Amino acid sequence: MIGVLNQVVSGIATGGIYASIALALVMIFLATHQINFAQGEIAMFSTYIALMLIQAGVPYWIAFLLTVTISFTMGMLLQRFVLEPLSNAPILASVGAFLGLLLIFNNIAGWIFGYSLKPFPTPFGAGEPMFGGMISRHEMGSTVVTLAVLVAIWAFFRFTKVGLAMRAAAYNPVSSRLVGIPVARMLALGWGLAAGIGAIAGMMVAPIVFLDPNMMAGVLLYAFAAALLGGITSPLGAVVGGVLMGVIENLAGAYVVGTELKLTTALVIIVVVLVFKPSGLFGKALASRV
């Protein structure tokens, strides 16, 4: 029983990271109705930027804020100069652009930083595990950071004029333009936020999995499964789905399929959700008139 509880607590901590990436995927989907396959690679590249700043002597939390700012700017620039010109192009053109960005960021990171595993520092110390050994200090700290980010994003969309304008632009861009909302600017801001959230997730997961150009491949798969499970149109669903995926991953890896095959649980969940409940637990079924 203690072992199961340990797996659940650890899974909640890991699930918070999946929830962050899943939330970024949902934000992009709401704005463009497309999945950003390069989300993980953008987060990975941002994490390398953080490591460079830290190795240059910048204190961790200042490097953290600088990295989020750089990643936010990078996301806005990508939307403005790469994706906005494709706004009226066929869907496959945008999918090709996302896959192209994935390969570009992955290969540039490998070219600049190499493909060897690099340790990434944690700001939460390496002391004894907390709560009777159930959770490490880094897992506890990353859970707090992720929760704070999710609450801040919720408050931003719920209580600020810019957040409300972004929601309106994502749900109905035509009507938003008619009432004076700068839709293109809102979409760029959404991409910036998604990139910033991804950077935070990358910095939180890097001390666990180590840093290399492919470190976010598995994380992105879990996050994608989480977004589908919770509902690809629901920010709340992304958070719930991320936590559920973290718990399911740990329990399946420990008691069902083993650690070598636990990544297959994400694939199984993706297939099951798409077959039996494509809208997810909290999402709404999408319909269009013809």
Protein backbone atom coordinates (compact mmCIF):
# COMPACT_ATOMS: atom_id res chain seq x y z
CA MET A 1 0.00 0.00 0.00
CA ILE A 2 2.86 2.36 0.84
CA GLY A 3 4.43 1.59 -2.53
CA VAL A 4 1.22 2.47 -4.37
CA LEU A 5 0.93 5.73 -2.44
CA ASN A 6 4.53 6.60 -3.32
CA GLN A 7 3.82 5.99 -7.00
CA VAL A 8 0.67 8.13 -6.87
CA VAL A 9 2.39 11.06 -5.14
CA SER A 10 5.36 10.92 -7.50
CA GLY A 11 2.97 10.62 -10.44
CA ILE A 12 1.13 13.77 -9.39
CA ALA A 13 4.43 15.66 -9.33
CA THR A 14 5.40 14.40 -12.80
CA GLY A 15 1.85 14.94 -14.05
CA GLY A 16 2.11 18.62 -13.26
CA ILE A 17 4.87 18.90 -15.87
CA TYR A 18 2.76 16.99 -18.38
CA ALA A 19 -0.12 19.33 -17.55
CA SER A 20 2.02 22.36 -18.43
CA ILE A 21 2.92 21.02 -21.87
CA ALA A 22 -0.66 19.80 -22.41
CA LEU A 23 -1.95 23.28 -21.55
CA ALA A 24 0.41 24.79 -24.13
CA LEU A 25 -0.86 22.31 -26.74
CA VAL A 26 -4.47 23.19 -25.90
CA MET A 27 -3.76 26.93 -26.13
CA ILE A 28 -2.30 26.51 -29.62
CA PHE A 29 -5.16 24.23 -30.66
CA LEU A 30 -7.80 26.70 -29.49
CA ALA A 31 -6.11 29.45 -31.48
CA THR A 32 -5.35 27.51 -34.68
CA HIS A 33 -7.23 24.18 -34.42
CA GLN A 34 -3.90 22.48 -34.99
CA ILE A 35 -1.43 20.56 -32.83
CA ASN A 36 2.00 22.12 -32.37
CA PHE A 37 4.28 19.09 -32.80
CA ALA A 38 7.31 21.31 -32.15
CA GLN A 39 6.19 22.29 -28.63
CA GLY A 40 8.57 19.86 -26.94
CA GLU A 41 11.55 20.89 -29.06
CA ILE A 42 10.94 24.56 -28.34
CA ALA A 43 10.91 23.73 -24.62
CA MET A 44 14.11 21.71 -24.99
CA PHE A 45 15.91 24.52 -26.83
CA SER A 46 14.79 27.01 -24.17
CA THR A 47 16.19 24.72 -21.48
CA TYR A 48 19.58 24.78 -23.20
CA ILE A 49 19.43 28.58 -23.12
CA ALA A 50 18.79 28.39 -19.37
CA LEU A 51 21.78 26.08 -18.91
CA MET A 52 24.02 28.49 -20.84
CA LEU A 53 22.94 31.37 -18.61
CA ILE A 54 23.48 29.37 -15.43
CA GLN A 55 26.93 28.20 -16.57
CA ALA A 56 27.77 31.84 -17.34
CA GLY A 57 27.22 32.66 -13.67
CA VAL A 58 23.67 34.00 -13.78
CA PRO A 59 21.73 33.05 -10.61
CA TYR A 60 19.19 30.29 -11.22
CA TRP A 61 15.97 32.26 -10.76
CA ILE A 62 17.22 35.20 -12.83
CA ALA A 63 18.20 32.72 -15.56
CA PHE A 64 14.74 31.19 -15.15
CA LEU A 65 13.00 34.51 -15.78
CA LEU A 66 15.33 35.43 -18.65
CA THR A 67 14.71 32.06 -20.30
CA VAL A 68 10.94 32.42 -20.04
CA THR A 69 11.20 35.91 -21.54
CA ILE A 70 13.41 34.71 -24.40
CA SER A 71 11.12 31.75 -25.06
CA PHE A 72 8.05 34.00 -24.99
CA THR A 73 9.65 36.29 -27.58
CA MET A 74 10.69 33.31 -29.70
CA GLY A 75 7.13 31.97 -29.71
CA MET A 76 5.73 35.30 -30.84
CA LEU A 77 8.31 35.59 -33.62
CA LEU A 78 7.57 32.07 -34.84
CA GLN A 79 3.88 32.86 -35.06
CA ARG A 80 4.49 36.16 -36.81
CA PHE A 81 7.04 35.10 -39.41
CA VAL A 82 6.46 31.35 -39.89
CA LEU A 83 2.85 30.50 -39.09
CA GLU A 84 0.89 33.66 -39.86
CA PRO A 85 1.83 33.48 -43.57
CA LEU A 86 0.30 29.97 -43.54
CA SER A 87 -2.99 31.05 -41.94
CA ASN A 88 -4.93 30.55 -45.19
CA ALA A 89 -2.88 27.61 -46.45
CA PRO A 90 -4.11 23.98 -46.39
CA ILE A 91 -3.84 22.18 -43.04
CA LEU A 92 -1.10 19.91 -44.35
CA ALA A 93 1.08 22.97 -45.00
CA SER A 94 0.85 23.95 -41.33
CA VAL A 95 1.49 20.36 -40.23
CA GLY A 96 4.59 20.36 -42.42
CA ALA A 97 5.70 23.63 -40.84
CA PHE A 98 5.29 22.18 -37.32
CA LEU A 99 7.26 19.07 -38.23
CA GLY A 100 9.89 21.24 -39.90
CA LEU A 101 10.25 23.35 -36.76
CA LEU A 102 10.61 20.16 -34.70
CA LEU A 103 13.49 18.95 -36.86
CA ILE A 104 15.10 22.39 -37.06
CA PHE A 105 15.17 22.94 -33.29
CA ASN A 106 16.32 19.36 -32.64
CA ASN A 107 19.17 19.52 -35.12
CA ILE A 108 20.28 23.04 -34.19
CA ALA A 109 20.40 22.00 -30.52
CA GLY A 110 22.47 18.93 -31.40
CA TRP A 111 24.80 20.99 -33.61
CA ILE A 112 25.39 23.70 -31.01
CA PHE A 113 25.29 21.76 -27.75
CA GLY A 114 26.01 18.17 -28.80
CA TYR A 115 24.02 15.01 -28.15
CA SER A 116 25.60 13.93 -24.87
CA LEU A 117 23.51 13.95 -21.70
CA LYS A 118 24.05 17.04 -19.57
CA PRO A 119 23.03 17.42 -15.91
CA PHE A 120 20.72 20.33 -15.21
CA PRO A 121 20.75 21.96 -11.77
CA THR A 122 17.75 22.06 -9.49
CA PRO A 123 17.10 25.09 -7.29
CA PHE A 124 15.38 23.01 -4.63
CA GLY A 125 18.41 21.25 -3.18
CA ALA A 126 19.38 17.59 -3.03
CA GLY A 127 18.47 16.81 0.57
CA GLU A 128 16.50 13.91 1.93
CA PRO A 129 13.14 13.09 0.30
CA MET A 130 10.09 14.67 1.91
CA PHE A 131 6.95 13.23 3.49
CA GLY A 132 8.52 9.98 4.58
CA GLY A 133 10.50 9.47 1.40
CA MET A 134 7.48 9.65 -0.92
CA ILE A 135 8.64 12.65 -2.97
CA SER A 136 11.99 14.28 -3.67
CA ARG A 137 12.67 17.92 -2.99
CA HIS A 138 12.85 18.66 -6.70
CA GLU A 139 9.53 16.92 -7.36
CA MET A 140 7.92 18.92 -4.56
CA GLY A 141 9.43 22.18 -5.77
CA SER A 142 8.51 21.56 -9.41
CA THR A 143 4.95 20.75 -8.33
CA VAL A 144 4.69 24.09 -6.52
CA VAL A 145 6.14 25.99 -9.50
CA THR A 146 3.85 24.21 -11.97
CA LEU A 147 0.80 24.82 -9.79
CA ALA A 148 1.68 28.50 -9.50
CA VAL A 149 2.04 28.76 -13.29
CA LEU A 150 -1.30 27.03 -13.89
CA VAL A 151 -3.10 29.28 -11.39
CA ALA A 152 -1.50 32.38 -12.93
CA ILE A 153 -2.59 31.31 -16.43
CA TRP A 154 -6.13 30.63 -15.20
CA ALA A 155 -6.32 34.03 -13.51
CA PHE A 156 -4.90 35.72 -16.61
CA PHE A 157 -7.57 34.26 -18.88
CA ARG A 158 -10.35 34.70 -16.34
CA PHE A 159 -9.80 38.20 -14.96
CA THR A 160 -7.72 40.29 -17.39
CA LYS A 161 -8.95 42.14 -20.47
CA VAL A 162 -6.08 40.78 -22.57
CA GLY A 163 -6.86 37.24 -21.45
CA LEU A 164 -10.52 37.63 -22.31
CA ALA A 165 -9.57 39.12 -25.70
CA MET A 166 -7.31 36.12 -26.37
CA ARG A 167 -10.13 33.72 -25.55
CA ALA A 168 -12.50 35.60 -27.83
CA ALA A 169 -9.95 35.65 -30.66
CA ALA A 170 -9.41 31.91 -30.32
CA TYR A 171 -13.10 30.96 -30.21
CA ASN A 172 -14.42 33.36 -32.87
CA PRO A 173 -11.78 35.34 -34.76
CA VAL A 174 -14.25 36.83 -37.26
CA SER A 175 -16.52 38.36 -34.61
CA SER A 176 -13.48 39.44 -32.61
CA ARG A 177 -12.18 41.45 -35.55
CA LEU A 178 -15.58 43.12 -35.91
CA VAL A 179 -15.45 44.39 -32.32
CA GLY A 180 -11.89 45.69 -32.68
CA ILE A 181 -9.81 42.90 -31.16
CA PRO A 182 -6.40 42.59 -32.90
CA VAL A 183 -6.65 38.87 -33.61
CA ALA A 184 -3.16 38.50 -35.10
CA ARG A 185 -1.61 40.13 -32.05
CA MET A 186 -3.65 37.92 -29.72
CA LEU A 187 -2.54 34.79 -31.58
CA ALA A 188 1.09 35.88 -31.34
CA LEU A 189 0.64 36.47 -27.61
CA GLY A 190 -0.88 33.00 -27.27
CA TRP A 191 2.11 31.45 -29.01
CA GLY A 192 4.43 33.40 -26.74
CA LEU A 193 2.63 32.17 -23.63
CA ALA A 194 2.69 28.59 -24.88
CA ALA A 195 6.44 28.82 -25.54
CA GLY A 196 7.02 30.35 -22.10
CA ILE A 197 5.01 27.62 -20.38
CA GLY A 198 6.97 25.01 -22.33
CA ALA A 199 10.26 26.57 -21.19
CA ILE A 200 9.18 26.30 -17.55
CA ALA A 201 8.20 22.65 -18.05
CA GLY A 202 11.55 21.96 -19.71
CA MET A 203 13.51 23.48 -16.82
CA MET A 204 11.47 21.48 -14.32
CA VAL A 205 11.86 18.13 -16.09
CA ALA A 206 15.54 18.48 -17.12
CA PRO A 207 16.96 17.69 -13.63
CA ILE A 208 14.99 14.41 -13.72
CA VAL A 209 15.67 13.13 -17.24
CA PHE A 210 18.93 15.06 -17.94
CA LEU A 211 19.28 17.47 -20.82
CA ASP A 212 19.79 16.35 -24.41
CA PRO A 213 18.16 17.28 -27.74
CA ASN A 214 15.70 14.37 -27.51
CA MET A 215 14.71 14.75 -23.87
CA MET A 216 11.20 16.07 -24.56
CA ALA A 217 10.12 13.35 -27.02
CA GLY A 218 8.56 11.13 -24.36
CA VAL A 219 7.29 14.11 -22.35
CA LEU A 220 5.51 15.50 -25.42
CA LEU A 221 3.86 12.12 -26.06
CA TYR A 222 2.56 11.97 -22.49
CA ALA A 223 1.42 15.58 -22.73
CA PHE A 224 -0.39 14.90 -26.00
CA ALA A 225 -2.14 11.93 -24.42
CA ALA A 226 -3.02 14.13 -21.43
CA ALA A 227 -4.48 16.83 -23.68
CA LEU A 228 -6.61 14.27 -25.52
CA LEU A 229 -7.68 12.57 -22.30
CA GLY A 230 -8.76 15.81 -20.66
CA GLY A 231 -10.15 17.31 -23.86
CA ILE A 232 -8.10 19.10 -26.50
CA THR A 233 -10.49 22.09 -26.29
CA SER A 234 -10.39 22.37 -22.48
CA PRO A 235 -7.59 24.08 -20.50
CA LEU A 236 -8.98 22.52 -17.31
CA GLY A 237 -8.99 19.16 -19.04
CA ALA A 238 -5.32 19.58 -19.93
CA VAL A 239 -4.45 20.04 -16.27
CA VAL A 240 -6.57 17.12 -15.07
CA GLY A 241 -5.35 14.94 -17.93
CA GLY A 242 -1.73 15.75 -17.14
CA VAL A 243 -2.09 14.72 -13.49
CA LEU A 244 -3.96 11.55 -14.49
CA MET A 245 -1.27 10.68 -17.04
CA GLY A 246 1.47 11.09 -14.44
CA VAL A 247 -0.30 8.75 -12.03
CA ILE A 248 -1.19 6.22 -14.74
CA GLU A 249 2.38 6.23 -16.05
CA ASN A 250 3.85 5.48 -12.62
CA LEU A 251 1.33 2.80 -11.69
CA ALA A 252 1.56 1.09 -15.08
CA GLY A 253 5.35 1.21 -15.04
CA ALA A 254 5.55 -0.19 -11.51
CA TYR A 255 2.81 -2.83 -11.55
CA VAL A 256 1.60 -3.57 -15.09
CA VAL A 257 3.98 -3.24 -18.04
CA GLY A 258 7.30 -2.37 -16.41
CA THR A 259 9.49 0.68 -16.86
CA GLU A 260 10.70 -0.37 -20.33
CA LEU A 261 7.19 -0.39 -21.81
CA LYS A 262 5.41 2.29 -19.79
CA LEU A 263 5.60 4.74 -22.71
CA THR A 264 3.16 2.46 -24.51
CA THR A 265 0.49 3.43 -21.96
CA ALA A 266 0.41 6.90 -23.53
CA LEU A 267 -0.09 5.36 -26.98
CA VAL A 268 -2.85 3.11 -25.68
CA ILE A 269 -4.64 6.05 -24.06
CA ILE A 270 -4.36 8.10 -27.27
CA VAL A 271 -5.95 5.28 -29.30
CA VAL A 272 -8.68 4.55 -26.72
CA VAL A 273 -9.67 8.21 -26.37
CA LEU A 274 -9.73 8.81 -30.13
CA VAL A 275 -11.88 5.72 -30.68
CA PHE A 276 -14.34 5.96 -27.81
CA LYS A 277 -14.40 9.62 -26.67
CA PRO A 278 -12.62 11.98 -29.07
CA SER A 279 -13.77 15.05 -27.13
CA GLY A 280 -12.05 13.82 -23.94
CA LEU A 281 -13.31 14.11 -20.38
CA PHE A 282 -13.95 17.86 -20.38
CA GLY A 283 -13.80 18.87 -24.04
CA LYS A 284 -16.66 19.72 -26.34
CA ALA A 285 -17.35 17.91 -29.57
CA LEU A 286 -16.39 20.10 -32.53
CA ALA A 287 -18.96 20.51 -35.28
CA SER A 288 -19.01 22.61 -38.41
CA ARG A 289 -21.75 23.49 -40.85
CA VAL A 290 -21.40 22.53 -44.47
